[in-house]
Amino acid sequence: MSKDTQPVPFLATSKNSQTHCSTCSLSSLCLPIALEKADLDTLDSMIKRGRPIQKGELLFKQGDAFNAIFAIRTGAIKTYTVAASGEEQITGFHLASELVGLSGYSQETYPLSAKALETTTVCELPLDQLEAMCDEIPGLRKQIMRNMSGEIRQDQQMMLQLSKKSADERMAYFLLDLSSRFERRGFSAKAFRLAMSRVDISNYLGLAVETVSRILTRFQKQELIATQSKEITLLNLPELNALAGHPDAQPTCQQHPN
């Protein structure tokens, strides 16, 4: 079976080699927020932590039975749909501490596929056990709802960008969105690695890959960013904010046509 078409088997690992919720540096951003120690231990015993998923491997496939949600511990994942014609449309990029698979709650199958952009580790939360635990711990259910709400809000904001903004504005918004997400995880807001390819970025933003390359080159000439391979540094956050249309910034750079 091709690793590009079949989800990777989720094999259990030794308890002694696991990072537990109580010692995970991302716990404040994930489901364990505000849980008592006993509840945290119960959640920890429920979670399955498998072997790393390699770049290009599927976590789950569109149409698979919905039986779990996943919290990313390390790495990055893209979600996408595949039309009847075979065309792929990327719906999101997911980073450490974020949940993947929540959209499956609306039906009994995953409406999306999820694929690792780089070596990635996840925590699997089996649906039946998770629902039973939510009945016992109201705070856990509230946290899941908060995550679902955040995912919906992010989707709505991106839809607005794609429908209303120029190509330059979309790219500035995309980079700033990644910046804020890395910052929430305690990493630099100005320097980070792009796990996704330019082809993936162009698909997500609804642009031609040549347009994405031209914009990034232009941003470098304008000294808005600096790039080296997949590493990117945001050199002028106020200017990028202005370009993205954030209300507190005033643009000075000339915008270019798509």
C-alpha atoms as a PDB file:
ATOM      1  CA  MET A   1       0.000   0.000   0.000  1.00  0.00           C
ATOM      2  CA  SER A   2       1.239   3.506  -0.783  1.00  0.00           C
ATOM      3  CA  LYS A   3       1.900   5.689   2.234  1.00  0.00           C
ATOM      4  CA  ASP A   4       0.314   8.552   0.290  1.00  0.00           C
ATOM      5  CA  THR A   5      -3.052   6.801   0.068  1.00  0.00           C
ATOM      6  CA  GLN A   6      -3.340   4.843   3.312  1.00  0.00           C
ATOM      7  CA  PRO A   7      -3.275   6.217   6.878  1.00  0.00           C
ATOM      8  CA  VAL A   8      -0.221   5.237   8.879  1.00  0.00           C
ATOM      9  CA  PRO A   9      -0.908   2.477  11.451  1.00  0.00           C
ATOM     10  CA  PHE A  10      -1.060   4.027  14.916  1.00  0.00           C
ATOM     11  CA  LEU A  11       1.157   1.753  16.991  1.00  0.00           C
ATOM     12  CA  ALA A  12       1.354   2.086  20.759  1.00  0.00           C
ATOM     13  CA  THR A  13       4.642   3.043  22.363  1.00  0.00           C
ATOM     14  CA  SER A  14       6.101   2.140  25.728  1.00  0.00           C
ATOM     15  CA  LYS A  15       4.656   4.087  28.650  1.00  0.00           C
ATOM     16  CA  ASN A  16       8.178   4.787  29.886  1.00  0.00           C
ATOM     17  CA  SER A  17       9.080   6.588  26.649  1.00  0.00           C
ATOM     18  CA  GLN A  18       6.032   8.826  26.569  1.00  0.00           C
ATOM     19  CA  THR A  19       5.637  12.483  27.359  1.00  0.00           C
ATOM     20  CA  HIS A  20       2.670  12.740  29.709  1.00  0.00           C
ATOM     21  CA  CYS A  21       0.139  15.572  29.812  1.00  0.00           C
ATOM     22  CA  SER A  22       1.486  16.721  33.181  1.00  0.00           C
ATOM     23  CA  THR A  23       4.999  17.172  31.773  1.00  0.00           C
ATOM     24  CA  CYS A  24       4.103  18.312  28.247  1.00  0.00           C
ATOM     25  CA  SER A  25       5.223  21.880  27.512  1.00  0.00           C
ATOM     26  CA  LEU A  26       2.107  22.394  25.351  1.00  0.00           C
ATOM     27  CA  SER A  27      -0.424  21.296  27.964  1.00  0.00           C
ATOM     28  CA  SER A  28      -1.650  24.839  28.648  1.00  0.00           C
ATOM     29  CA  LEU A  29      -2.606  25.173  24.969  1.00  0.00           C
ATOM     30  CA  CYS A  30      -4.220  21.760  24.620  1.00  0.00           C
ATOM     31  CA  LEU A  31      -7.037  19.819  26.302  1.00  0.00           C
ATOM     32  CA  PRO A  32      -5.556  19.504  29.830  1.00  0.00           C
ATOM     33  CA  ILE A  33      -6.135  23.209  30.587  1.00  0.00           C
ATOM     34  CA  ALA A  34      -7.629  23.751  34.053  1.00  0.00           C
ATOM     35  CA  LEU A  35      -8.047  20.028  34.789  1.00  0.00           C
ATOM     36  CA  GLU A  36      -7.494  18.639  38.288  1.00  0.00           C
ATOM     37  CA  LYS A  37      -4.621  16.161  38.722  1.00  0.00           C
ATOM     38  CA  ALA A  38      -6.941  13.156  38.997  1.00  0.00           C
ATOM     39  CA  ASP A  39      -8.755  14.193  35.815  1.00  0.00           C
ATOM     40  CA  LEU A  40      -5.432  14.813  34.108  1.00  0.00           C
ATOM     41  CA  ASP A  41      -4.271  11.309  35.033  1.00  0.00           C
ATOM     42  CA  THR A  42      -7.496   9.838  33.628  1.00  0.00           C
ATOM     43  CA  LEU A  43      -7.061  11.757  30.398  1.00  0.00           C
ATOM     44  CA  ASP A  44      -3.426  10.689  30.218  1.00  0.00           C
ATOM     45  CA  SER A  45      -4.346   7.011  30.539  1.00  0.00           C
ATOM     46  CA  MET A  46      -6.846   7.359  27.684  1.00  0.00           C
ATOM     47  CA  ILE A  47      -4.450   8.979  25.202  1.00  0.00           C
ATOM     48  CA  LYS A  48      -2.620   6.832  22.671  1.00  0.00           C
ATOM     49  CA  ARG A  49       0.811   8.051  21.635  1.00  0.00           C
ATOM     50  CA  GLY A  50       2.129   6.256  18.588  1.00  0.00           C
ATOM     51  CA  ARG A  51       5.325   6.231  16.608  1.00  0.00           C
ATOM     52  CA  PRO A  52       6.260   9.389  14.686  1.00  0.00           C
ATOM     53  CA  ILE A  53       4.437   9.966  11.412  1.00  0.00           C
ATOM     54  CA  GLN A  54       6.886  10.575   8.601  1.00  0.00           C
ATOM     55  CA  LYS A  55       6.614  13.354   6.040  1.00  0.00           C
ATOM     56  CA  GLY A  56       3.985  12.473   3.432  1.00  0.00           C
ATOM     57  CA  GLU A  57       2.206   9.874   5.567  1.00  0.00           C
ATOM     58  CA  LEU A  58      -1.506  10.163   6.235  1.00  0.00           C
ATOM     59  CA  LEU A  59      -2.900  10.494   9.738  1.00  0.00           C
ATOM     60  CA  PHE A  60      -6.391   9.800   8.416  1.00  0.00           C
ATOM     61  CA  LYS A  61      -8.062   9.833   5.017  1.00  0.00           C
ATOM     62  CA  GLN A  62     -11.201  11.548   3.750  1.00  0.00           C
ATOM     63  CA  GLY A  63     -14.086   9.102   4.144  1.00  0.00           C
ATOM     64  CA  ASP A  64     -12.487   7.075   6.955  1.00  0.00           C
ATOM     65  CA  ALA A  65     -14.700   6.309   9.945  1.00  0.00           C
ATOM     66  CA  PHE A  66     -14.495   9.105  12.519  1.00  0.00           C
ATOM     67  CA  ASN A  67     -13.243   7.461  15.686  1.00  0.00           C
ATOM     68  CA  ALA A  68     -10.685   9.857  17.199  1.00  0.00           C
ATOM     69  CA  ILE A  69      -9.330  13.365  17.286  1.00  0.00           C
ATOM     70  CA  PHE A  70      -5.618  14.106  17.422  1.00  0.00           C
ATOM     71  CA  ALA A  71      -3.498  16.661  19.267  1.00  0.00           C
ATOM     72  CA  ILE A  72      -0.223  17.521  17.534  1.00  0.00           C
ATOM     73  CA  ARG A  73       2.786  17.310  19.866  1.00  0.00           C
ATOM     74  CA  THR A  74       5.552  18.076  17.385  1.00  0.00           C
ATOM     75  CA  GLY A  75       5.691  18.766  13.664  1.00  0.00           C
ATOM     76  CA  ALA A  76       2.992  20.025  11.314  1.00  0.00           C
ATOM     77  CA  ILE A  77       0.045  18.617   9.375  1.00  0.00           C
ATOM     78  CA  LYS A  78      -1.969  19.830   6.408  1.00  0.00           C
ATOM     79  CA  THR A  79      -5.644  19.013   5.947  1.00  0.00           C
ATOM     80  CA  TYR A  80      -7.231  18.886   2.522  1.00  0.00           C
ATOM     81  CA  THR A  81     -10.198  17.643   0.527  1.00  0.00           C
ATOM     82  CA  VAL A  82     -10.074  15.734  -2.727  1.00  0.00           C
ATOM     83  CA  ALA A  83     -12.782  16.422  -5.306  1.00  0.00           C
ATOM     84  CA  ALA A  84     -14.285  13.720  -7.535  1.00  0.00           C
ATOM     85  CA  SER A  85     -11.963  14.993 -10.274  1.00  0.00           C
ATOM     86  CA  GLY A  86      -8.977  14.225  -8.062  1.00  0.00           C
ATOM     87  CA  GLU A  87      -8.154  17.889  -7.456  1.00  0.00           C
ATOM     88  CA  GLU A  88      -6.750  18.625  -3.998  1.00  0.00           C
ATOM     89  CA  GLN A  89      -7.795  21.696  -1.999  1.00  0.00           C
ATOM     90  CA  ILE A  90      -5.838  22.449   1.165  1.00  0.00           C
ATOM     91  CA  THR A  91      -8.071  23.624   4.007  1.00  0.00           C
ATOM     92  CA  GLY A  92      -5.523  24.319   6.715  1.00  0.00           C
ATOM     93  CA  PHE A  93      -2.087  23.904   8.249  1.00  0.00           C
ATOM     94  CA  HIS A  94      -1.918  22.657  11.826  1.00  0.00           C
ATOM     95  CA  LEU A  95       0.933  23.163  14.303  1.00  0.00           C
ATOM     96  CA  ALA A  96       1.977  21.747  17.665  1.00  0.00           C
ATOM     97  CA  SER A  97      -0.759  21.871  20.368  1.00  0.00           C
ATOM     98  CA  GLU A  98      -3.548  22.159  17.788  1.00  0.00           C
ATOM     99  CA  LEU A  99      -6.277  19.543  17.366  1.00  0.00           C
ATOM    100  CA  VAL A 100      -6.926  17.754  14.076  1.00  0.00           C
ATOM    101  CA  GLY A 101     -10.066  15.862  13.127  1.00  0.00           C
ATOM    102  CA  LEU A 102     -12.661  17.990  14.904  1.00  0.00           C
ATOM    103  CA  SER A 103     -14.639  18.436  11.673  1.00  0.00           C
ATOM    104  CA  GLY A 104     -15.521  14.754  11.841  1.00  0.00           C
ATOM    105  CA  TYR A 105     -17.987  15.520  14.651  1.00  0.00           C
ATOM    106  CA  SER A 106     -20.565  16.665  12.086  1.00  0.00           C
ATOM    107  CA  GLN A 107     -20.806  13.191  10.555  1.00  0.00           C
ATOM    108  CA  GLU A 108     -19.534   9.655  11.045  1.00  0.00           C
ATOM    109  CA  THR A 109     -16.568  10.014   8.688  1.00  0.00           C
ATOM    110  CA  TYR A 110     -13.672  12.430   8.312  1.00  0.00           C
ATOM    111  CA  PRO A 111     -14.589  15.009   5.635  1.00  0.00           C
ATOM    112  CA  LEU A 112     -10.881  15.790   5.151  1.00  0.00           C
ATOM    113  CA  SER A 113      -7.562  14.021   4.837  1.00  0.00           C
ATOM    114  CA  ALA A 114      -4.645  14.886   7.136  1.00  0.00           C
ATOM    115  CA  LYS A 115      -1.036  14.448   5.992  1.00  0.00           C
ATOM    116  CA  ALA A 116       2.262  15.112   7.789  1.00  0.00           C
ATOM    117  CA  LEU A 117       4.313  17.971   6.342  1.00  0.00           C
ATOM    118  CA  GLU A 118       7.358  16.810   8.311  1.00  0.00           C
ATOM    119  CA  THR A 119       8.113  14.191  10.939  1.00  0.00           C
ATOM    120  CA  THR A 120       5.194  14.610  13.344  1.00  0.00           C
ATOM    121  CA  THR A 121       4.062  13.107  16.642  1.00  0.00           C
ATOM    122  CA  VAL A 122       0.464  13.187  17.826  1.00  0.00           C
ATOM    123  CA  CYS A 123      -1.679  12.183  20.780  1.00  0.00           C
ATOM    124  CA  GLU A 124      -4.717  10.151  19.725  1.00  0.00           C
ATOM    125  CA  LEU A 125      -7.915  10.667  21.718  1.00  0.00           C
ATOM    126  CA  PRO A 126     -10.379   7.815  20.974  1.00  0.00           C
ATOM    127  CA  LEU A 127     -13.851   9.249  20.460  1.00  0.00           C
ATOM    128  CA  ASP A 128     -15.820   6.843  22.641  1.00  0.00           C
ATOM    129  CA  GLN A 129     -13.550   7.337  25.654  1.00  0.00           C
ATOM    130  CA  LEU A 130     -13.336  11.086  25.084  1.00  0.00           C
ATOM    131  CA  GLU A 131     -17.123  11.506  25.008  1.00  0.00           C
ATOM    132  CA  ALA A 132     -17.501   9.474  28.202  1.00  0.00           C
ATOM    133  CA  MET A 133     -14.854  11.598  29.896  1.00  0.00           C
ATOM    134  CA  CYS A 134     -16.539  14.815  28.754  1.00  0.00           C
ATOM    135  CA  ASP A 135     -19.698  13.673  30.554  1.00  0.00           C
ATOM    136  CA  GLU A 136     -17.665  13.402  33.747  1.00  0.00           C
ATOM    137  CA  ILE A 137     -15.514  16.521  33.342  1.00  0.00           C
ATOM    138  CA  PRO A 138     -17.409  19.637  32.157  1.00  0.00           C
ATOM    139  CA  GLY A 139     -14.136  21.566  31.812  1.00  0.00           C
ATOM    140  CA  LEU A 140     -12.901  19.131  29.192  1.00  0.00           C
ATOM    141  CA  ARG A 141     -16.028  19.510  27.080  1.00  0.00           C
ATOM    142  CA  LYS A 142     -15.697  23.304  27.361  1.00  0.00           C
ATOM    143  CA  GLN A 143     -12.093  23.127  26.147  1.00  0.00           C
ATOM    144  CA  ILE A 144     -13.062  21.010  23.132  1.00  0.00           C
ATOM    145  CA  MET A 145     -15.809  23.493  22.274  1.00  0.00           C
ATOM    146  CA  ARG A 146     -13.283  26.325  22.594  1.00  0.00           C
ATOM    147  CA  ASN A 147     -10.972  24.555  20.165  1.00  0.00           C
ATOM    148  CA  MET A 148     -13.809  23.959  17.712  1.00  0.00           C
ATOM    149  CA  SER A 149     -14.835  27.613  17.950  1.00  0.00           C
ATOM    150  CA  GLY A 150     -11.262  28.734  17.271  1.00  0.00           C
ATOM    151  CA  GLU A 151     -11.059  26.482  14.221  1.00  0.00           C
ATOM    152  CA  ILE A 152     -14.326  27.880  12.824  1.00  0.00           C
ATOM    153  CA  ARG A 153     -13.166  31.457  13.453  1.00  0.00           C
ATOM    154  CA  GLN A 154      -9.841  30.829  11.708  1.00  0.00           C
ATOM    155  CA  ASP A 155     -11.651  29.310   8.714  1.00  0.00           C
ATOM    156  CA  GLN A 156     -13.980  32.319   8.520  1.00  0.00           C
ATOM    157  CA  GLN A 157     -11.081  34.773   8.640  1.00  0.00           C
ATOM    158  CA  MET A 158      -9.242  32.934   5.883  1.00  0.00           C
ATOM    159  CA  MET A 159     -12.379  32.856   3.710  1.00  0.00           C
ATOM    160  CA  LEU A 160     -12.568  36.638   4.099  1.00  0.00           C
ATOM    161  CA  GLN A 161      -8.943  36.989   3.044  1.00  0.00           C
ATOM    162  CA  LEU A 162      -9.444  34.847  -0.033  1.00  0.00           C
ATOM    163  CA  SER A 163     -12.574  36.672  -1.129  1.00  0.00           C
ATOM    164  CA  LYS A 164     -11.633  40.292  -0.375  1.00  0.00           C
ATOM    165  CA  LYS A 165      -7.851  40.667  -0.406  1.00  0.00           C
ATOM    166  CA  SER A 166      -5.160  41.070  -3.053  1.00  0.00           C
ATOM    167  CA  ALA A 167      -2.411  38.482  -3.484  1.00  0.00           C
ATOM    168  CA  ASP A 168       0.069  40.588  -1.457  1.00  0.00           C
ATOM    169  CA  GLU A 169      -2.470  41.045   1.337  1.00  0.00           C
ATOM    170  CA  ARG A 170      -3.200  37.315   1.470  1.00  0.00           C
ATOM    171  CA  MET A 171       0.485  36.480   1.790  1.00  0.00           C
ATOM    172  CA  ALA A 172       1.050  39.090   4.504  1.00  0.00           C
ATOM    173  CA  TYR A 173      -1.960  37.785   6.431  1.00  0.00           C
ATOM    174  CA  PHE A 174      -0.739  34.191   6.089  1.00  0.00           C
ATOM    175  CA  LEU A 175       2.736  35.011   7.434  1.00  0.00           C
ATOM    176  CA  LEU A 176       1.328  37.036  10.328  1.00  0.00           C
ATOM    177  CA  ASP A 177      -1.102  34.254  11.209  1.00  0.00           C
ATOM    178  CA  LEU A 178       1.782  31.803  11.449  1.00  0.00           C
ATOM    179  CA  SER A 179       3.750  34.366  13.451  1.00  0.00           C
ATOM    180  CA  SER A 180       1.019  34.719  16.065  1.00  0.00           C
ATOM    181  CA  ARG A 181       0.539  30.958  16.319  1.00  0.00           C
ATOM    182  CA  PHE A 182       4.249  30.344  16.890  1.00  0.00           C
ATOM    183  CA  GLU A 183       4.334  33.134  19.468  1.00  0.00           C
ATOM    184  CA  ARG A 184       1.460  31.554  21.427  1.00  0.00           C
ATOM    185  CA  ARG A 185       3.592  28.424  21.708  1.00  0.00           C
ATOM    186  CA  GLY A 186       6.503  30.336  23.206  1.00  0.00           C
ATOM    187  CA  PHE A 187       8.543  30.519  19.997  1.00  0.00           C
ATOM    188  CA  SER A 188       9.798  33.538  18.104  1.00  0.00           C
ATOM    189  CA  ALA A 189       7.154  35.627  16.359  1.00  0.00           C
ATOM    190  CA  LYS A 190       9.713  36.854  13.839  1.00  0.00           C
ATOM    191  CA  ALA A 191      11.772  33.823  12.837  1.00  0.00           C
ATOM    192  CA  PHE A 192      10.299  30.401  12.107  1.00  0.00           C
ATOM    193  CA  ARG A 193      10.360  27.525   9.656  1.00  0.00           C
ATOM    194  CA  LEU A 194       7.771  27.050   6.933  1.00  0.00           C
ATOM    195  CA  ALA A 195       6.966  23.338   6.974  1.00  0.00           C
ATOM    196  CA  MET A 196       4.730  23.691   3.923  1.00  0.00           C
ATOM    197  CA  SER A 197       5.959  23.998   0.325  1.00  0.00           C
ATOM    198  CA  ARG A 198       5.265  26.975  -1.914  1.00  0.00           C
ATOM    199  CA  VAL A 199       2.935  24.727  -3.909  1.00  0.00           C
ATOM    200  CA  ASP A 200       0.935  24.049  -0.731  1.00  0.00           C
ATOM    201  CA  ILE A 201       0.893  27.751   0.166  1.00  0.00           C
ATOM    202  CA  SER A 202      -0.352  28.679  -3.296  1.00  0.00           C
ATOM    203  CA  ASN A 203      -3.093  26.037  -3.109  1.00  0.00           C
ATOM    204  CA  TYR A 204      -4.207  27.262   0.318  1.00  0.00           C
ATOM    205  CA  LEU A 205      -4.216  30.948  -0.644  1.00  0.00           C
ATOM    206  CA  GLY A 206      -5.845  30.416  -4.023  1.00  0.00           C
ATOM    207  CA  LEU A 207      -2.850  31.774  -5.955  1.00  0.00           C
ATOM    208  CA  ALA A 208      -0.562  30.476  -8.682  1.00  0.00           C
ATOM    209  CA  VAL A 209       2.722  29.119  -7.348  1.00  0.00           C
ATOM    210  CA  GLU A 210       4.549  31.632  -9.574  1.00  0.00           C
ATOM    211  CA  THR A 211       2.607  34.435  -7.859  1.00  0.00           C
ATOM    212  CA  VAL A 212       3.652  33.171  -4.430  1.00  0.00           C
ATOM    213  CA  SER A 213       7.302  33.101  -5.509  1.00  0.00           C
ATOM    214  CA  ARG A 214       7.089  36.628  -6.961  1.00  0.00           C
ATOM    215  CA  ILE A 215       5.486  38.009  -3.798  1.00  0.00           C
ATOM    216  CA  LEU A 216       8.082  36.446  -1.503  1.00  0.00           C
ATOM    217  CA  THR A 217      10.873  37.800  -3.726  1.00  0.00           C
ATOM    218  CA  ARG A 218       9.270  41.260  -3.707  1.00  0.00           C
ATOM    219  CA  PHE A 219       8.813  41.167   0.088  1.00  0.00           C
ATOM    220  CA  GLN A 220      12.537  40.421   0.402  1.00  0.00           C
ATOM    221  CA  LYS A 221      13.476  43.351  -1.858  1.00  0.00           C
ATOM    222  CA  GLN A 222      11.233  45.606   0.236  1.00  0.00           C
ATOM    223  CA  GLU A 223      13.023  44.258   3.339  1.00  0.00           C
ATOM    224  CA  LEU A 224       9.771  43.006   4.822  1.00  0.00           C
ATOM    225  CA  ILE A 225      11.143  39.473   5.166  1.00  0.00           C
ATOM    226  CA  ALA A 226      14.331  37.470   4.775  1.00  0.00           C
ATOM    227  CA  THR A 227      14.357  33.833   3.693  1.00  0.00           C
ATOM    228  CA  GLN A 228      16.901  31.045   3.668  1.00  0.00           C
ATOM    229  CA  SER A 229      15.576  27.737   2.378  1.00  0.00           C
ATOM    230  CA  LYS A 230      12.471  27.091   4.526  1.00  0.00           C
ATOM    231  CA  GLU A 231      13.527  29.504   7.279  1.00  0.00           C
ATOM    232  CA  ILE A 232      11.794  32.886   7.210  1.00  0.00           C
ATOM    233  CA  THR A 233      12.379  36.044   9.251  1.00  0.00           C
ATOM    234  CA  LEU A 234       9.792  38.828   9.443  1.00  0.00           C
ATOM    235  CA  LEU A 235      11.878  42.020   9.353  1.00  0.00           C
ATOM    236  CA  ASN A 236       9.115  44.624   9.429  1.00  0.00           C
ATOM    237  CA  LEU A 237       6.044  43.531  11.389  1.00  0.00           C
ATOM    238  CA  PRO A 238       4.332  46.977  11.335  1.00  0.00           C
ATOM    239  CA  GLU A 239       4.561  47.102   7.545  1.00  0.00           C
ATOM    240  CA  LEU A 240       3.273  43.553   7.178  1.00  0.00           C
ATOM    241  CA  ASN A 241       0.390  44.341   9.529  1.00  0.00           C
ATOM    242  CA  ALA A 242      -0.471  47.377   7.438  1.00  0.00           C
ATOM    243  CA  LEU A 243      -0.347  45.343   4.252  1.00  0.00           C
ATOM    244  CA  ALA A 244      -2.580  42.669   5.760  1.00  0.00           C
ATOM    245  CA  GLY A 245      -5.144  45.344   6.629  1.00  0.00           C
ATOM    246  CA  HIS A 246      -4.833  45.210  10.407  1.00  0.00           C
ATOM    247  CA  PRO A 247      -6.614  48.294  11.821  1.00  0.00           C
ATOM    248  CA  ASP A 248      -3.786  49.705  13.955  1.00  0.00           C
ATOM    249  CA  ALA A 249      -1.205  49.887  11.193  1.00  0.00           C
ATOM    250  CA  GLN A 250      -0.585  52.456   8.485  1.00  0.00           C
ATOM    251  CA  PRO A 251       0.759  51.186   5.140  1.00  0.00           C
ATOM    252  CA  THR A 252       3.683  52.844   3.393  1.00  0.00           C
ATOM    253  CA  CYS A 253       4.716  50.152   0.913  1.00  0.00           C
ATOM    254  CA  GLN A 254       3.300  50.261  -2.565  1.00  0.00           C
ATOM    255  CA  GLN A 255       1.001  47.346  -3.290  1.00  0.00           C
ATOM    256  CA  HIS A 256       1.355  45.437  -6.537  1.00  0.00           C
ATOM    257  CA  PRO A 257      -1.290  43.858  -8.728  1.00  0.00           C
ATOM    258  CA  ASN A 258      -1.825  40.086  -8.495  1.00  0.00           C
END
